[in-house]
Amino acid sequence: MQKAFKMKLYPGMAREYRRRHDWLWPEMVEMIHAHGGRDYSIFLDEETLTLFAVIEIEDEALWAEGADTEINRRWWNYMADIMDTNPDNSPVSVDLPLLFHLD
Protein backbone atom coordinates (compact mmCIF):
# COMPACT_ATOMS: atom_id res chain seq x y z
CA MET A 1 0.00 0.00 0.00
CA GLN A 2 1.13 3.56 -0.60
CA LYS A 3 1.44 6.07 2.20
CA ALA A 4 1.79 9.78 1.50
CA PHE A 5 2.42 12.62 3.92
CA LYS A 6 3.76 16.15 4.09
CA MET A 7 6.29 17.87 6.32
CA LYS A 8 7.80 21.36 6.40
CA LEU A 9 11.37 22.65 6.14
CA TYR A 10 12.74 25.77 7.75
CA PRO A 11 13.76 28.54 5.33
CA GLY A 12 17.18 28.02 3.77
CA MET A 13 17.39 24.33 4.73
CA ALA A 14 16.59 22.57 1.43
CA ARG A 15 20.24 22.03 0.51
CA GLU A 16 21.03 20.67 3.98
CA TYR A 17 17.98 18.38 3.90
CA ARG A 18 19.16 16.94 0.59
CA ARG A 19 22.73 16.56 1.87
CA ARG A 20 21.59 14.62 4.94
CA HIS A 21 19.44 12.30 2.84
CA ASP A 22 22.20 11.80 0.27
CA TRP A 23 24.20 10.37 3.19
CA LEU A 24 21.30 8.47 4.79
CA TRP A 25 22.67 6.23 7.53
CA PRO A 26 22.76 2.52 6.54
CA GLU A 27 21.08 1.66 9.85
CA MET A 28 18.18 3.94 8.92
CA VAL A 29 17.80 2.20 5.55
CA GLU A 30 17.80 -1.17 7.35
CA MET A 31 15.12 0.03 9.79
CA ILE A 32 12.90 1.32 6.97
CA HIS A 33 13.16 -2.00 5.14
CA ALA A 34 12.69 -4.05 8.35
CA HIS A 35 9.44 -2.17 9.00
CA GLY A 36 8.04 -2.83 5.54
CA GLY A 37 9.05 0.37 3.76
CA ARG A 38 10.37 0.54 0.21
CA ASP A 39 10.25 2.78 -2.88
CA TYR A 40 10.46 5.93 -0.71
CA SER A 41 10.49 9.34 -2.40
CA ILE A 42 10.40 12.83 -0.92
CA PHE A 43 9.63 15.87 -3.07
CA LEU A 44 10.01 19.57 -2.23
CA ASP A 45 7.64 22.42 -3.09
CA GLU A 46 10.24 25.19 -3.12
CA GLU A 47 7.63 27.96 -2.87
CA THR A 48 6.17 26.70 0.42
CA LEU A 49 9.08 24.56 1.71
CA THR A 50 6.61 21.70 1.99
CA LEU A 51 8.03 18.19 1.67
CA PHE A 52 5.77 15.58 0.05
CA ALA A 53 6.70 11.98 0.85
CA VAL A 54 5.41 8.78 -0.73
CA ILE A 55 6.41 5.31 0.46
CA GLU A 56 5.23 1.78 -0.22
CA ILE A 57 4.54 -0.03 3.06
CA GLU A 58 3.55 -3.62 3.80
CA ASP A 59 1.40 -2.89 6.83
CA GLU A 60 0.44 0.31 8.67
CA ALA A 61 1.04 -1.21 12.14
CA LEU A 62 4.47 -2.60 11.19
CA TRP A 63 5.45 0.76 9.71
CA ALA A 64 4.30 2.61 12.85
CA GLU A 65 6.52 0.39 15.01
CA GLY A 66 9.57 1.88 13.28
CA ALA A 67 8.94 5.19 15.05
CA ASP A 68 9.88 3.61 18.39
CA THR A 69 13.28 2.35 17.26
CA GLU A 70 16.48 3.85 18.65
CA ILE A 71 17.82 4.64 15.17
CA ASN A 72 14.64 6.46 14.19
CA ARG A 73 14.74 8.58 17.34
CA ARG A 74 18.39 9.46 16.58
CA TRP A 75 17.39 10.47 13.06
CA TRP A 76 14.59 12.69 14.37
CA ASN A 77 17.03 14.41 16.73
CA TYR A 78 19.49 14.86 13.85
CA MET A 79 16.85 16.47 11.62
CA ALA A 80 15.13 18.64 14.25
CA ASP A 81 17.22 21.73 13.56
CA ILE A 82 16.12 22.02 9.91
CA MET A 83 12.38 21.23 9.94
CA ASP A 84 9.15 21.65 11.92
CA THR A 85 9.05 19.09 14.72
CA ASN A 86 6.88 18.00 17.61
CA PRO A 87 8.13 18.17 21.23
CA ASP A 88 9.67 14.66 20.87
CA ASN A 89 11.57 15.86 17.74
CA SER A 90 9.41 13.75 15.40
CA PRO A 91 8.64 15.73 12.27
CA VAL A 92 5.30 17.46 12.14
CA SER A 93 3.68 15.21 9.56
CA VAL A 94 0.24 15.25 7.99
CA ASP A 95 -1.03 12.14 6.19
CA LEU A 96 -2.39 12.82 2.71
CA PRO A 97 -5.41 10.87 1.43
CA LEU A 98 -5.14 9.13 -1.92
CA LEU A 99 -7.57 10.67 -4.40
CA PHE A 100 -6.32 9.13 -7.64
CA HIS A 101 -3.97 6.35 -8.74
CA LEU A 102 -3.13 5.15 -12.25
CA ASP A 103 -1.09 1.97 -12.53
PDB file of N, CA and C in Angstrom:
ATOM      1  N   MET A   1       0.841  -1.172   0.000  1.00  0.00           N
ATOM      2  CA  MET A   1       0.000   0.000   0.000  1.00  0.00           C
ATOM      3  C   MET A   1       0.892   1.243   0.000  1.00  0.00           C
ATOM      4  N   GLN A   2       0.403   2.301  -0.598  1.00  0.00           N
ATOM      5  CA  GLN A   2       1.135   3.558  -0.601  1.00  0.00           C
ATOM      6  C   GLN A   2       0.712   4.411   0.575  1.00  0.00           C
ATOM      7  N   LYS A   3       1.688   5.112   1.129  1.00  0.00           N
ATOM      8  CA  LYS A   3       1.441   6.066   2.200  1.00  0.00           C
ATOM      9  C   LYS A   3       2.044   7.387   1.749  1.00  0.00           C
ATOM     10  N   ALA A   4       1.292   8.458   1.868  1.00  0.00           N
ATOM     11  CA  ALA A   4       1.789   9.781   1.503  1.00  0.00           C
ATOM     12  C   ALA A   4       1.574  10.734   2.670  1.00  0.00           C
ATOM     13  N   PHE A   5       2.526  11.642   2.841  1.00  0.00           N
ATOM     14  CA  PHE A   5       2.415  12.618   3.923  1.00  0.00           C
ATOM     15  C   PHE A   5       3.240  13.846   3.573  1.00  0.00           C
ATOM     16  N   LYS A   6       2.999  14.929   4.313  1.00  0.00           N
ATOM     17  CA  LYS A   6       3.756  16.151   4.089  1.00  0.00           C
ATOM     18  C   LYS A   6       4.413  16.609   5.379  1.00  0.00           C
ATOM     19  N   MET A   7       5.536  17.303   5.215  1.00  0.00           N
ATOM     20  CA  MET A   7       6.294  17.870   6.318  1.00  0.00           C
ATOM     21  C   MET A   7       6.753  19.258   5.873  1.00  0.00           C
ATOM     22  N   LYS A   8       7.430  19.987   6.731  1.00  0.00           N
ATOM     23  CA  LYS A   8       7.800  21.363   6.402  1.00  0.00           C
ATOM     24  C   LYS A   8       9.242  21.652   6.815  1.00  0.00           C
ATOM     25  N   LEU A   9       9.989  22.233   5.868  1.00  0.00           N
ATOM     26  CA  LEU A   9      11.371  22.646   6.135  1.00  0.00           C
ATOM     27  C   LEU A   9      11.412  24.074   6.655  1.00  0.00           C
ATOM     28  N   TYR A  10      12.471  24.391   7.383  1.00  0.00           N
ATOM     29  CA  TYR A  10      12.738  25.773   7.752  1.00  0.00           C
ATOM     30  C   TYR A  10      13.358  26.482   6.549  1.00  0.00           C
ATOM     31  N   PRO A  11      13.182  27.790   6.449  1.00  0.00           N
ATOM     32  CA  PRO A  11      13.764  28.544   5.331  1.00  0.00           C
ATOM     33  C   PRO A  11      15.283  28.329   5.238  1.00  0.00           C
ATOM     34  N   GLY A  12      15.754  28.172   4.020  1.00  0.00           N
ATOM     35  CA  GLY A  12      17.176  28.020   3.767  1.00  0.00           C
ATOM     36  C   GLY A  12      17.748  26.640   4.041  1.00  0.00           C
ATOM     37  N   MET A  13      16.906  25.648   4.334  1.00  0.00           N
ATOM     38  CA  MET A  13      17.393  24.329   4.731  1.00  0.00           C
ATOM     39  C   MET A  13      17.238  23.241   3.664  1.00  0.00           C
ATOM     40  N   ALA A  14      16.793  23.584   2.471  1.00  0.00           N
ATOM     41  CA  ALA A  14      16.587  22.567   1.431  1.00  0.00           C
ATOM     42  C   ALA A  14      17.894  21.873   1.060  1.00  0.00           C
ATOM     43  N   ARG A  15      18.955  22.633   0.880  1.00  0.00           N
ATOM     44  CA  ARG A  15      20.242  22.031   0.511  1.00  0.00           C
ATOM     45  C   ARG A  15      20.729  21.092   1.608  1.00  0.00           C
ATOM     46  N   GLU A  16      20.585  21.514   2.862  1.00  0.00           N
ATOM     47  CA  GLU A  16      21.031  20.673   3.985  1.00  0.00           C
ATOM     48  C   GLU A  16      20.174  19.422   4.097  1.00  0.00           C
ATOM     49  N   TYR A  17      18.879  19.544   3.867  1.00  0.00           N
ATOM     50  CA  TYR A  17      17.981  18.382   3.901  1.00  0.00           C
ATOM     51  C   TYR A  17      18.427  17.359   2.860  1.00  0.00           C
ATOM     52  N   ARG A  18      18.693  17.842   1.652  1.00  0.00           N
ATOM     53  CA  ARG A  18      19.155  16.940   0.586  1.00  0.00           C
ATOM     54  C   ARG A  18      20.486  16.288   0.967  1.00  0.00           C
ATOM     55  N   ARG A  19      21.419  17.084   1.489  1.00  0.00           N
ATOM     56  CA  ARG A  19      22.725  16.559   1.870  1.00  0.00           C
ATOM     57  C   ARG A  19      22.588  15.434   2.891  1.00  0.00           C
ATOM     58  N   ARG A  20      21.769  15.639   3.899  1.00  0.00           N
ATOM     59  CA  ARG A  20      21.593  14.620   4.936  1.00  0.00           C
ATOM     60  C   ARG A  20      20.965  13.346   4.378  1.00  0.00           C
ATOM     61  N   HIS A  21      20.064  13.488   3.430  1.00  0.00           N
ATOM     62  CA  HIS A  21      19.443  12.297   2.838  1.00  0.00           C
ATOM     63  C   HIS A  21      20.352  11.629   1.804  1.00  0.00           C
ATOM     64  N   ASP A  22      21.215  12.405   1.172  1.00  0.00           N
ATOM     65  CA  ASP A  22      22.204  11.799   0.274  1.00  0.00           C
ATOM     66  C   ASP A  22      23.153  10.887   1.046  1.00  0.00           C
ATOM     67  N   TRP A  23      23.328  11.167   2.318  1.00  0.00           N
ATOM     68  CA  TRP A  23      24.201  10.374   3.194  1.00  0.00           C
ATOM     69  C   TRP A  23      23.385   9.630   4.250  1.00  0.00           C
ATOM     70  N   LEU A  24      22.183   9.182   3.865  1.00  0.00           N
ATOM     71  CA  LEU A  24      21.301   8.470   4.795  1.00  0.00           C
ATOM     72  C   LEU A  24      22.044   7.313   5.452  1.00  0.00           C
ATOM     73  N   TRP A  25      21.963   7.253   6.765  1.00  0.00           N
ATOM     74  CA  TRP A  25      22.668   6.225   7.527  1.00  0.00           C
ATOM     75  C   TRP A  25      22.208   4.828   7.095  1.00  0.00           C
ATOM     76  N   PRO A  26      23.138   3.893   6.905  1.00  0.00           N
ATOM     77  CA  PRO A  26      22.764   2.521   6.541  1.00  0.00           C
ATOM     78  C   PRO A  26      21.809   1.882   7.555  1.00  0.00           C
ATOM     79  N   GLU A  27      21.969   2.215   8.825  1.00  0.00           N
ATOM     80  CA  GLU A  27      21.077   1.662   9.854  1.00  0.00           C
ATOM     81  C   GLU A  27      19.645   2.167   9.669  1.00  0.00           C
ATOM     82  N   MET A  28      19.513   3.384   9.164  1.00  0.00           N
ATOM     83  CA  MET A  28      18.181   3.944   8.915  1.00  0.00           C
ATOM     84  C   MET A  28      17.535   3.218   7.737  1.00  0.00           C
ATOM     85  N   VAL A  29      18.309   2.961   6.695  1.00  0.00           N
ATOM     86  CA  VAL A  29      17.801   2.199   5.547  1.00  0.00           C
ATOM     87  C   VAL A  29      17.343   0.817   6.004  1.00  0.00           C
ATOM     88  N   GLU A  30      18.150   0.164   6.828  1.00  0.00           N
ATOM     89  CA  GLU A  30      17.800  -1.166   7.347  1.00  0.00           C
ATOM     90  C   GLU A  30      16.505  -1.125   8.143  1.00  0.00           C
ATOM     91  N   MET A  31      16.341  -0.092   8.985  1.00  0.00           N
ATOM     92  CA  MET A  31      15.124   0.026   9.790  1.00  0.00           C
ATOM     93  C   MET A  31      13.906   0.227   8.898  1.00  0.00           C
ATOM     94  N   ILE A  32      14.024   1.079   7.882  1.00  0.00           N
ATOM     95  CA  ILE A  32      12.901   1.317   6.972  1.00  0.00           C
ATOM     96  C   ILE A  32      12.485   0.013   6.300  1.00  0.00           C
ATOM     97  N   HIS A  33      13.471  -0.728   5.797  1.00  0.00           N
ATOM     98  CA  HIS A  33      13.162  -2.004   5.137  1.00  0.00           C
ATOM     99  C   HIS A  33      12.597  -3.025   6.126  1.00  0.00           C
ATOM    100  N   ALA A  34      13.165  -3.092   7.338  1.00  0.00           N
ATOM    101  CA  ALA A  34      12.692  -4.047   8.345  1.00  0.00           C
ATOM    102  C   ALA A  34      11.250  -3.772   8.764  1.00  0.00           C
ATOM    103  N   HIS A  35      10.806  -2.528   8.621  1.00  0.00           N
ATOM    104  CA  HIS A  35       9.441  -2.169   9.000  1.00  0.00           C
ATOM    105  C   HIS A  35       8.530  -2.016   7.788  1.00  0.00           C
ATOM    106  N   GLY A  36       8.919  -2.695   6.691  1.00  0.00           N
ATOM    107  CA  GLY A  36       8.036  -2.826   5.545  1.00  0.00           C
ATOM    108  C   GLY A  36       8.040  -1.675   4.566  1.00  0.00           C
ATOM    109  N   GLY A  37       8.997  -0.768   4.671  1.00  0.00           N
ATOM    110  CA  GLY A  37       9.048   0.375   3.762  1.00  0.00           C
ATOM    111  C   GLY A  37       9.964   0.138   2.575  1.00  0.00           C
ATOM    112  N   ARG A  38       9.535   0.618   1.407  1.00  0.00           N
ATOM    113  CA  ARG A  38      10.366   0.545   0.206  1.00  0.00           C
ATOM    114  C   ARG A  38       9.852   1.596  -0.788  1.00  0.00           C
ATOM    115  N   ASP A  39      10.622   1.832  -1.821  1.00  0.00           N
ATOM    116  CA  ASP A  39      10.255   2.781  -2.879  1.00  0.00           C
ATOM    117  C   ASP A  39       9.819   4.118  -2.259  1.00  0.00           C
ATOM    118  N   TYR A  40      10.725   4.722  -1.487  1.00  0.00           N
ATOM    119  CA  TYR A  40      10.461   5.927  -0.707  1.00  0.00           C
ATOM    120  C   TYR A  40      10.974   7.142  -1.474  1.00  0.00           C
ATOM    121  N   SER A  41      10.115   8.093  -1.723  1.00  0.00           N
ATOM    122  CA  SER A  41      10.490   9.338  -2.401  1.00  0.00           C
ATOM    123  C   SER A  41       9.986  10.520  -1.602  1.00  0.00           C
ATOM    124  N   ILE A  42      10.792  11.592  -1.575  1.00  0.00           N
ATOM    125  CA  ILE A  42      10.400  12.832  -0.916  1.00  0.00           C
ATOM    126  C   ILE A  42      10.623  13.966  -1.916  1.00  0.00           C
ATOM    127  N   PHE A  43       9.588  14.759  -2.131  1.00  0.00           N
ATOM    128  CA  PHE A  43       9.630  15.874  -3.074  1.00  0.00           C
ATOM    129  C   PHE A  43       9.511  17.180  -2.297  1.00  0.00           C
ATOM    130  N   LEU A  44      10.047  18.262  -2.870  1.00  0.00           N
ATOM    131  CA  LEU A  44      10.008  19.571  -2.227  1.00  0.00           C
ATOM    132  C   LEU A  44       9.239  20.561  -3.089  1.00  0.00           C
ATOM    133  N   ASP A  45       8.267  21.248  -2.477  1.00  0.00           N
ATOM    134  CA  ASP A  45       7.639  22.420  -3.088  1.00  0.00           C
ATOM    135  C   ASP A  45       8.473  23.610  -2.624  1.00  0.00           C
ATOM    136  N   GLU A  46       9.301  24.138  -3.500  1.00  0.00           N
ATOM    137  CA  GLU A  46      10.241  25.195  -3.116  1.00  0.00           C
ATOM    138  C   GLU A  46       9.550  26.490  -2.710  1.00  0.00           C
ATOM    139  N   GLU A  47       8.347  26.741  -3.222  1.00  0.00           N
ATOM    140  CA  GLU A  47       7.635  27.962  -2.867  1.00  0.00           C
ATOM    141  C   GLU A  47       7.155  27.950  -1.424  1.00  0.00           C
ATOM    142  N   THR A  48       6.736  26.779  -0.931  1.00  0.00           N
ATOM    143  CA  THR A  48       6.167  26.697   0.418  1.00  0.00           C
ATOM    144  C   THR A  48       7.075  25.971   1.407  1.00  0.00           C
ATOM    145  N   LEU A  49       8.167  25.388   0.909  1.00  0.00           N
ATOM    146  CA  LEU A  49       9.084  24.562   1.712  1.00  0.00           C
ATOM    147  C   LEU A  49       8.388  23.327   2.279  1.00  0.00           C
ATOM    148  N   THR A  50       7.326  22.904   1.593  1.00  0.00           N
ATOM    149  CA  THR A  50       6.610  21.699   1.995  1.00  0.00           C
ATOM    150  C   THR A  50       7.248  20.487   1.337  1.00  0.00           C
ATOM    151  N   LEU A  51       7.515  19.471   2.142  1.00  0.00           N
ATOM    152  CA  LEU A  51       8.029  18.191   1.667  1.00  0.00           C
ATOM    153  C   LEU A  51       6.850  17.249   1.473  1.00  0.00           C
ATOM    154  N   PHE A  52       6.801  16.572   0.337  1.00  0.00           N
ATOM    155  CA  PHE A  52       5.768  15.584   0.053  1.00  0.00           C
ATOM    156  C   PHE A  52       6.443  14.227  -0.044  1.00  0.00           C
ATOM    157  N   ALA A  53       6.067  13.305   0.813  1.00  0.00           N
ATOM    158  CA  ALA A  53       6.696  11.984   0.854  1.00  0.00           C
ATOM    159  C   ALA A  53       5.705  10.917   0.435  1.00  0.00           C
ATOM    160  N   VAL A  54       6.207   9.940  -0.310  1.00  0.00           N
ATOM    161  CA  VAL A  54       5.414   8.779  -0.725  1.00  0.00           C
ATOM    162  C   VAL A  54       6.271   7.547  -0.491  1.00  0.00           C
ATOM    163  N   ILE A  55       5.697   6.558   0.180  1.00  0.00           N
ATOM    164  CA  ILE A  55       6.408   5.314   0.459  1.00  0.00           C
ATOM    165  C   ILE A  55       5.449   4.138   0.302  1.00  0.00           C
ATOM    166  N   GLU A  56       5.987   3.045  -0.178  1.00  0.00           N
ATOM    167  CA  GLU A  56       5.233   1.783  -0.217  1.00  0.00           C
ATOM    168  C   GLU A  56       5.478   1.085   1.118  1.00  0.00           C
ATOM    169  N   ILE A  57       4.404   0.692   1.798  1.00  0.00           N
ATOM    170  CA  ILE A  57       4.545  -0.035   3.061  1.00  0.00           C
ATOM    171  C   ILE A  57       3.761  -1.337   2.991  1.00  0.00           C
ATOM    172  N   GLU A  58       4.225  -2.324   3.745  1.00  0.00           N
ATOM    173  CA  GLU A  58       3.546  -3.619   3.797  1.00  0.00           C
ATOM    174  C   GLU A  58       2.303  -3.563   4.666  1.00  0.00           C
ATOM    175  N   ASP A  59       2.442  -2.870   5.810  1.00  0.00           N
ATOM    176  CA  ASP A  59       1.396  -2.887   6.827  1.00  0.00           C
ATOM    177  C   ASP A  59       1.523  -1.629   7.673  1.00  0.00           C
ATOM    178  N   GLU A  60       0.425  -0.947   7.900  1.00  0.00           N
ATOM    179  CA  GLU A  60       0.444   0.305   8.672  1.00  0.00           C
ATOM    180  C   GLU A  60       0.981   0.106  10.087  1.00  0.00           C
ATOM    181  N   ALA A  61       0.582  -0.964  10.760  1.00  0.00           N
ATOM    182  CA  ALA A  61       1.036  -1.215  12.135  1.00  0.00           C
ATOM    183  C   ALA A  61       2.532  -1.497  12.175  1.00  0.00           C
ATOM    184  N   LEU A  62       3.030  -2.307  11.252  1.00  0.00           N
ATOM    185  CA  LEU A  62       4.469  -2.601  11.188  1.00  0.00           C
ATOM    186  C   LEU A  62       5.252  -1.327  10.929  1.00  0.00           C
ATOM    187  N   TRP A  63       4.779  -0.503  10.006  1.00  0.00           N
ATOM    188  CA  TRP A  63       5.447   0.755   9.706  1.00  0.00           C
ATOM    189  C   TRP A  63       5.478   1.665  10.938  1.00  0.00           C
ATOM    190  N   ALA A  64       4.384   1.754  11.658  1.00  0.00           N
ATOM    191  CA  ALA A  64       4.297   2.609  12.847  1.00  0.00           C
ATOM    192  C   ALA A  64       5.282   2.173  13.931  1.00  0.00           C
ATOM    193  N   GLU A  65       5.565   0.883  14.019  1.00  0.00           N
ATOM    194  CA  GLU A  65       6.521   0.387  15.015  1.00  0.00           C
ATOM    195  C   GLU A  65       7.922   0.958  14.798  1.00  0.00           C
ATOM    196  N   GLY A  66       8.253   1.310  13.577  1.00  0.00           N
ATOM    197  CA  GLY A  66       9.565   1.881  13.283  1.00  0.00           C
ATOM    198  C   GLY A  66       9.828   3.187  14.019  1.00  0.00           C
ATOM    199  N   ALA A  67       8.774   3.919  14.339  1.00  0.00           N
ATOM    200  CA  ALA A  67       8.936   5.192  15.048  1.00  0.00           C
ATOM    201  C   ALA A  67       9.567   5.009  16.422  1.00  0.00           C
ATOM    202  N   ASP A  68       9.367   3.852  17.037  1.00  0.00           N
ATOM    203  CA  ASP A  68       9.877   3.608  18.388  1.00  0.00           C
ATOM    204  C   ASP A  68      11.273   2.994  18.419  1.00  0.00           C
ATOM    205  N   THR A  69      11.933   2.916  17.266  1.00  0.00           N
ATOM    206  CA  THR A  69      13.283   2.347  17.257  1.00  0.00           C
ATOM    207  C   THR A  69      14.308   3.401  17.658  1.00  0.00           C
ATOM    208  N   GLU A  70      15.404   2.937  18.213  1.00  0.00           N
ATOM    209  CA  GLU A  70      16.477   3.846  18.646  1.00  0.00           C
ATOM    210  C   GLU A  70      17.041   4.621  17.461  1.00  0.00           C
ATOM    211  N   ILE A  71      17.244   3.963  16.330  1.00  0.00           N
ATOM    212  CA  ILE A  71      17.824   4.640  15.166  1.00  0.00           C
ATOM    213  C   ILE A  71      16.881   5.712  14.632  1.00  0.00           C
ATOM    214  N   ASN A  72      15.594   5.458  14.660  1.00  0.00           N
ATOM    215  CA  ASN A  72      14.640   6.462  14.190  1.00  0.00           C
ATOM    216  C   ASN A  72      14.635   7.682  15.104  1.00  0.00           C
ATOM    217  N   ARG A  73      14.691   7.446  16.400  1.00  0.00           N
ATOM    218  CA  ARG A  73      14.741   8.582  17.344  1.00  0.00           C
ATOM    219  C   ARG A  73      16.019   9.390  17.136  1.00  0.00           C
ATOM    220  N   ARG A  74      17.140   8.747  16.874  1.00  0.00           N
ATOM    221  CA  ARG A  74      18.394   9.459  16.585  1.00  0.00           C
ATOM    222  C   ARG A  74      18.251  10.301  15.321  1.00  0.00           C
ATOM    223  N   TRP A  75      17.592   9.724  14.310  1.00  0.00           N
ATOM    224  CA  TRP A  75      17.388  10.470  13.057  1.00  0.00           C
ATOM    225  C   TRP A  75      16.517  11.701  13.291  1.00  0.00           C
ATOM    226  N   TRP A  76      15.436  11.538  14.050  1.00  0.00           N
ATOM    227  CA  TRP A  76      14.589  12.693  14.370  1.00  0.00           C
ATOM    228  C   TRP A  76      15.389  13.789  15.057  1.00  0.00           C
ATOM    229  N   ASN A  77      16.213  13.413  16.028  1.00  0.00           N
ATOM    230  CA  ASN A  77      17.032  14.405  16.733  1.00  0.00           C
ATOM    231  C   ASN A  77      17.989  15.107  15.772  1.00  0.00           C
ATOM    232  N   TYR A  78      18.560  14.340  14.852  1.00  0.00           N
ATOM    233  CA  TYR A  78      19.494  14.861  13.853  1.00  0.00           C
ATOM    234  C   TYR A  78      18.816  15.861  12.915  1.00  0.00           C
ATOM    235  N   MET A  79      17.565  15.638  12.585  1.00  0.00           N
ATOM    236  CA  MET A  79      16.854  16.470  11.620  1.00  0.00           C
ATOM    237  C   MET A  79      16.100  17.643  12.256  1.00  0.00           C
ATOM    238  N   ALA A  80      15.985  17.666  13.563  1.00  0.00           N
ATOM    239  CA  ALA A  80      15.127  18.641  14.246  1.00  0.00           C
ATOM    240  C   ALA A  80      15.535  20.091  14.022  1.00  0.00           C
ATOM    241  N   ASP A  81      16.791  20.340  13.714  1.00  0.00           N
ATOM    242  CA  ASP A  81      17.223  21.726  13.555  1.00  0.00           C
ATOM    243  C   ASP A  81      16.899  22.316  12.181  1.00  0.00           C
ATOM    244  N   ILE A  82      16.374  21.500  11.250  1.00  0.00           N
ATOM    245  CA  ILE A  82      16.118  22.020   9.909  1.00  0.00           C
ATOM    246  C   ILE A  82      14.652  21.915   9.464  1.00  0.00           C
ATOM    247  N   MET A  83      13.782  21.394  10.336  1.00  0.00           N
ATOM    248  CA  MET A  83      12.378  21.235   9.940  1.00  0.00           C
ATOM    249  C   MET A  83      11.442  21.347  11.137  1.00  0.00           C
ATOM    250  N   ASP A  84      10.161  21.576  10.857  1.00  0.00           N
ATOM    251  CA  ASP A  84       9.153  21.649  11.919  1.00  0.00           C
ATOM    252  C   ASP A  84       9.069  20.300  12.616  1.00  0.00           C
ATOM    253  N   THR A  85       9.121  20.326  13.946  1.00  0.00           N
ATOM    254  CA  THR A  85       9.051  19.095  14.721  1.00  0.00           C
ATOM    255  C   THR A  85       8.090  19.236  15.893  1.00  0.00           C
ATOM    256  N   ASN A  86       7.678  18.090  16.392  1.00  0.00           N
ATOM    257  CA  ASN A  86       6.878  17.998  17.606  1.00  0.00           C
ATOM    258  C   ASN A  86       7.817  18.045  18.805  1.00  0.00           C
ATOM    259  N   PRO A  87       7.277  18.127  20.036  1.00  0.00           N
ATOM    260  CA  PRO A  87       8.127  18.167  21.232  1.00  0.00           C
ATOM    261  C   PRO A  87       9.099  16.983  21.360  1.00  0.00           C
ATOM    262  N   ASP A  88       8.768  15.814  20.789  1.00  0.00           N
ATOM    263  CA  ASP A  88       9.671  14.662  20.866  1.00  0.00           C
ATOM    264  C   ASP A  88      10.659  14.617  19.693  1.00  0.00           C
ATOM    265  N   ASN A  89      10.723  15.704  18.919  1.00  0.00           N
ATOM    266  CA  ASN A  89      11.568  15.860  17.738  1.00  0.00           C
ATOM    267  C   ASN A  89      11.094  15.062  16.524  1.00  0.00           C
ATOM    268  N   SER A  90       9.967  14.367  16.606  1.00  0.00           N
ATOM    269  CA  SER A  90       9.407  13.746  15.402  1.00  0.00           C
ATOM    270  C   SER A  90       8.963  14.872  14.470  1.00  0.00           C
ATOM    271  N   PRO A  91       9.078  14.669  13.167  1.00  0.00           N
ATOM    272  CA  PRO A  91       8.641  15.730  12.268  1.00  0.00           C
ATOM    273  C   PRO A  91       7.128  15.938  12.349  1.00  0.00           C
ATOM    274  N   VAL A  92       6.722  17.187  12.281  1.00  0.00           N
ATOM    275  CA  VAL A  92       5.300  17.463  12.141  1.00  0.00           C
ATOM    276  C   VAL A  92       4.917  16.903  10.776  1.00  0.00           C
ATOM    277  N   SER A  93       4.013  15.957  10.776  1.00  0.00           N
ATOM    278  CA  SER A  93       3.683  15.212   9.563  1.00  0.00           C
ATOM    279  C   SER A  93       2.173  15.088   9.443  1.00  0.00           C
ATOM    280  N   VAL A  94       1.670  15.338   8.249  1.00  0.00           N
ATOM    281  CA  VAL A  94       0.239  15.245   7.989  1.00  0.00           C
ATOM    282  C   VAL A  94       0.032  14.200   6.899  1.00  0.00           C
ATOM    283  N   ASP A  95      -0.722  13.155   7.192  1.00  0.00           N
ATOM    284  CA  ASP A  95      -1.030  12.144   6.189  1.00  0.00           C
ATOM    285  C   ASP A  95      -1.894  12.761   5.090  1.00  0.00           C
ATOM    286  N   LEU A  96      -1.635  12.327   3.863  1.00  0.00           N
ATOM    287  CA  LEU A  96      -2.387  12.816   2.712  1.00  0.00           C
ATOM    288  C   LEU A  96      -3.241  11.694   2.147  1.00  0.00           C
ATOM    289  N   PRO A  97      -4.550  11.918   1.959  1.00  0.00           N
ATOM    290  CA  PRO A  97      -5.413  10.874   1.428  1.00  0.00           C
ATOM    291  C   PRO A  97      -5.176  10.683  -0.066  1.00  0.00           C
ATOM    292  N   LEU A  98      -5.258   9.458  -0.503  1.00  0.00           N
ATOM    293  CA  LEU A  98      -5.140   9.131  -1.924  1.00  0.00           C
ATOM    294  C   LEU A  98      -6.455   9.463  -2.624  1.00  0.00           C
ATOM    295  N   LEU A  99      -6.388  10.308  -3.653  1.00  0.00           N
ATOM    296  CA  LEU A  99      -7.572  10.672  -4.404  1.00  0.00           C
ATOM    297  C   LEU A  99      -7.576  10.073  -5.803  1.00  0.00           C
ATOM    298  N   PHE A 100      -6.396   9.683  -6.312  1.00  0.00           N
ATOM    299  CA  PHE A 100      -6.319   9.125  -7.644  1.00  0.00           C
ATOM    300  C   PHE A 100      -5.045   8.308  -7.761  1.00  0.00           C
ATOM    301  N   HIS A 101      -5.140   7.176  -8.456  1.00  0.00           N
ATOM    302  CA  HIS A 101      -3.969   6.348  -8.743  1.00  0.00           C
ATOM    303  C   HIS A 101      -4.159   5.713 -10.107  1.00  0.00           C
ATOM    304  N   LEU A 102      -3.126   5.783 -10.943  1.00  0.00           N
ATOM    305  CA  LEU A 102      -3.134   5.146 -12.246  1.00  0.00           C
ATOM    306  C   LEU A 102      -1.936   4.224 -12.301  1.00  0.00           C
ATOM    307  N   ASP A 103      -2.173   2.946 -12.491  1.00  0.00           N
ATOM    308  CA  ASP A 103      -1.088   1.966 -12.526  1.00  0.00           C
ATOM    309  C   ASP A 103      -0.667   1.704 -13.944  1.00  0.00           C
TER     310      ASP A 103
END
